[in-house]
Amino acid sequence: MGPQFQTNLGNTMTEDIAKLYSPVIRDHANQPRNCRRLLSANFRASSKNPLCGDCITVFLRVEDGIVREVSFESFGCALCRASASLLSEAAQGLTWQGVCELGRAVEAMATQGRTSSLCQGELLALGGVHPFPARIPCVLLPWQTVLEAFDPKPSC
């Protein structure tokens, strides 16, 4: 990790930044899973965060109400790319309602610091954004976008 920041908060800022850019986040940002156009997609949606410039398109192949495949194309920061990569793995095999519930759990973890039994394993790394309110939209953009892709919209 680069130089450490000296703050009046002691090591808190350094520890929070280390959680924000954890090894899981860095891995998914540098080597995102399923980062490609999914030609067999039957649902897709695009979103942009005008504040930071993150852009994402999410592609889904849904059969019999089950998400069989998820991919994405993005232009944006490491947090958005890592979140989309984690989403693309976590959503596969879920129902639309399951994706919605998982998205709400990720949102609660990012905005309120609350963990849920739905957020397991590598998804927990997204909770590192909680102390950085300005970065929360970066993490949530892929999750909000995937819900826009569903038609009809699931009620969450």
Protein backbone atom coordinates (compact mmCIF):
# COMPACT_ATOMS: atom_id res chain seq x y z
CA MET A 1 0.00 0.00 0.00
CA GLY A 2 1.22 3.55 -0.70
CA PRO A 3 2.12 6.24 1.82
CA GLN A 4 0.02 6.44 4.93
CA PHE A 5 -1.99 9.56 5.73
CA GLN A 6 -1.37 11.40 8.97
CA THR A 7 -4.64 12.58 10.48
CA ASN A 8 -5.97 13.73 13.80
CA LEU A 9 -7.94 10.51 13.80
CA GLY A 10 -4.85 8.36 14.27
CA ASN A 11 -4.87 5.18 12.19
CA THR A 12 -8.63 5.27 11.58
CA MET A 13 -8.38 6.85 8.12
CA THR A 14 -5.67 4.44 6.98
CA GLU A 15 -7.65 1.45 8.27
CA ASP A 16 -10.85 2.66 6.58
CA ILE A 17 -9.06 3.15 3.25
CA ALA A 18 -7.55 -0.31 3.57
CA LYS A 19 -11.07 -1.73 4.02
CA LEU A 20 -12.41 0.35 1.13
CA TYR A 21 -9.74 -1.02 -1.23
CA SER A 22 -9.48 -4.47 0.29
CA PRO A 23 -7.74 -7.29 -1.57
CA VAL A 24 -11.15 -8.54 -2.78
CA ILE A 25 -12.06 -5.11 -4.19
CA ARG A 26 -8.65 -4.71 -5.83
CA ASP A 27 -8.84 -8.20 -7.33
CA HIS A 28 -12.32 -7.68 -8.82
CA ALA A 29 -11.42 -4.19 -10.05
CA ASN A 30 -8.21 -5.33 -11.73
CA GLN A 31 -9.57 -8.64 -13.07
CA PRO A 32 -13.34 -8.18 -13.27
CA ARG A 33 -15.40 -11.31 -13.79
CA ASN A 34 -17.96 -11.38 -16.60
CA CYS A 35 -16.89 -8.02 -18.01
CA ARG A 36 -18.17 -8.42 -21.55
CA ARG A 37 -21.24 -7.92 -23.71
CA LEU A 38 -23.56 -10.88 -23.31
CA LEU A 39 -24.93 -11.58 -26.78
CA SER A 40 -27.56 -14.00 -25.49
CA ALA A 41 -28.98 -11.45 -23.00
CA ASN A 42 -32.72 -11.04 -22.93
CA PHE A 43 -32.61 -8.16 -20.43
CA ARG A 44 -30.28 -5.19 -20.21
CA ALA A 45 -30.07 -1.73 -18.69
CA SER A 46 -27.59 1.14 -18.67
CA SER A 47 -26.97 3.79 -16.02
CA LYS A 48 -24.63 6.66 -15.39
CA ASN A 49 -23.65 8.48 -12.23
CA PRO A 50 -23.43 12.13 -13.36
CA LEU A 51 -21.47 13.13 -10.25
CA CYS A 52 -18.46 10.92 -10.89
CA GLY A 53 -18.91 9.72 -14.48
CA ASP A 54 -19.29 6.00 -13.78
CA CYS A 55 -21.19 4.34 -16.66
CA ILE A 56 -22.40 0.75 -16.73
CA THR A 57 -24.49 -1.56 -18.86
CA VAL A 58 -25.70 -4.79 -17.27
CA PHE A 59 -26.73 -7.77 -19.41
CA LEU A 60 -28.82 -10.68 -18.11
CA ARG A 61 -29.92 -13.97 -19.52
CA VAL A 62 -33.01 -15.03 -17.60
CA GLU A 63 -34.81 -18.34 -18.18
CA ASP A 64 -37.92 -19.47 -16.30
CA GLY A 65 -37.53 -16.61 -13.81
CA ILE A 66 -33.95 -17.60 -12.90
CA VAL A 67 -30.91 -15.47 -13.68
CA ARG A 68 -28.69 -17.83 -15.64
CA GLU A 69 -25.97 -15.41 -16.68
CA VAL A 70 -24.93 -11.84 -15.88
CA SER A 71 -22.31 -9.70 -17.51
CA PHE A 72 -21.50 -6.02 -17.72
CA GLU A 73 -19.55 -3.35 -19.55
CA SER A 74 -18.38 -0.38 -17.55
CA PHE A 75 -16.37 2.75 -17.67
CA GLY A 76 -15.66 4.03 -14.22
CA CYS A 77 -13.84 3.73 -10.99
CA ALA A 78 -12.43 0.65 -9.33
CA LEU A 79 -15.29 0.44 -6.82
CA CYS A 80 -17.98 0.42 -9.50
CA ARG A 81 -16.12 -2.18 -11.55
CA ALA A 82 -15.49 -4.40 -8.51
CA SER A 83 -19.11 -4.12 -7.40
CA ALA A 84 -20.34 -5.07 -10.88
CA SER A 85 -17.97 -8.02 -10.95
CA LEU A 86 -19.19 -9.24 -7.55
CA LEU A 87 -22.80 -8.74 -8.63
CA SER A 88 -22.24 -10.74 -11.81
CA GLU A 89 -21.15 -13.74 -9.75
CA ALA A 90 -23.64 -13.40 -6.90
CA ALA A 91 -26.78 -12.96 -9.01
CA GLN A 92 -26.36 -16.08 -11.12
CA GLY A 93 -28.88 -18.74 -10.12
CA LEU A 94 -31.14 -16.34 -8.22
CA THR A 95 -34.71 -15.43 -8.98
CA TRP A 96 -35.48 -11.82 -9.80
CA GLN A 97 -36.82 -11.41 -6.27
CA GLY A 98 -33.59 -12.92 -4.92
CA VAL A 99 -31.50 -10.40 -6.85
CA CYS A 100 -33.71 -7.61 -5.51
CA GLU A 101 -33.34 -8.82 -1.92
CA LEU A 102 -29.58 -9.20 -2.30
CA GLY A 103 -29.36 -5.68 -3.76
CA ARG A 104 -31.26 -4.27 -0.78
CA ALA A 105 -28.92 -6.10 1.58
CA VAL A 106 -25.87 -4.66 -0.21
CA GLU A 107 -27.45 -1.19 -0.03
CA ALA A 108 -28.03 -1.53 3.74
CA MET A 109 -24.46 -2.70 4.22
CA ALA A 110 -23.05 0.22 2.19
CA THR A 111 -25.27 2.98 3.57
CA GLN A 112 -25.90 1.86 7.14
CA GLY A 113 -23.11 -0.59 7.88
CA ARG A 114 -25.67 -3.36 8.51
CA THR A 115 -24.71 -6.87 7.51
CA SER A 116 -27.20 -9.47 6.43
CA SER A 117 -27.12 -13.22 6.08
CA LEU A 118 -27.64 -12.59 2.34
CA CYS A 119 -24.23 -10.91 2.05
CA GLN A 120 -21.66 -13.65 2.43
CA GLY A 121 -18.07 -14.21 1.38
CA GLU A 122 -16.57 -11.70 -1.02
CA LEU A 123 -19.73 -9.53 -1.02
CA LEU A 124 -18.82 -8.42 2.50
CA ALA A 125 -15.96 -6.40 1.00
CA LEU A 126 -18.53 -3.93 -0.38
CA GLY A 127 -19.25 -2.89 3.22
CA GLY A 128 -15.88 -1.12 3.31
CA VAL A 129 -17.52 1.81 1.51
CA HIS A 130 -19.72 2.69 4.50
CA PRO A 131 -17.34 5.30 6.04
CA PHE A 132 -17.09 7.07 2.64
CA PRO A 133 -20.55 8.47 1.75
CA ALA A 134 -19.29 10.06 -1.48
CA ARG A 135 -18.22 6.62 -2.76
CA ILE A 136 -21.43 4.75 -1.91
CA PRO A 137 -23.07 5.58 -5.28
CA CYS A 138 -20.09 3.96 -7.02
CA VAL A 139 -20.76 0.66 -5.26
CA LEU A 140 -24.54 0.81 -5.65
CA LEU A 141 -24.73 1.79 -9.35
CA PRO A 142 -24.43 -1.80 -10.69
CA TRP A 143 -27.05 -3.06 -8.22
CA GLN A 144 -29.49 -0.28 -9.10
CA THR A 145 -28.88 -0.88 -12.80
CA VAL A 146 -29.57 -4.61 -12.63
CA LEU A 147 -32.97 -3.89 -11.09
CA GLU A 148 -33.76 -1.52 -13.95
CA ALA A 149 -33.14 -4.37 -16.39
CA PHE A 150 -36.00 -6.48 -15.04
CA ASP A 151 -39.34 -6.21 -16.78
CA PRO A 152 -41.73 -6.48 -15.10
CA LYS A 153 -40.00 -4.85 -12.16
CA PRO A 154 -39.84 -6.96 -9.00
CA SER A 155 -41.35 -5.29 -5.97
CA CYS A 156 -38.68 -5.14 -3.31
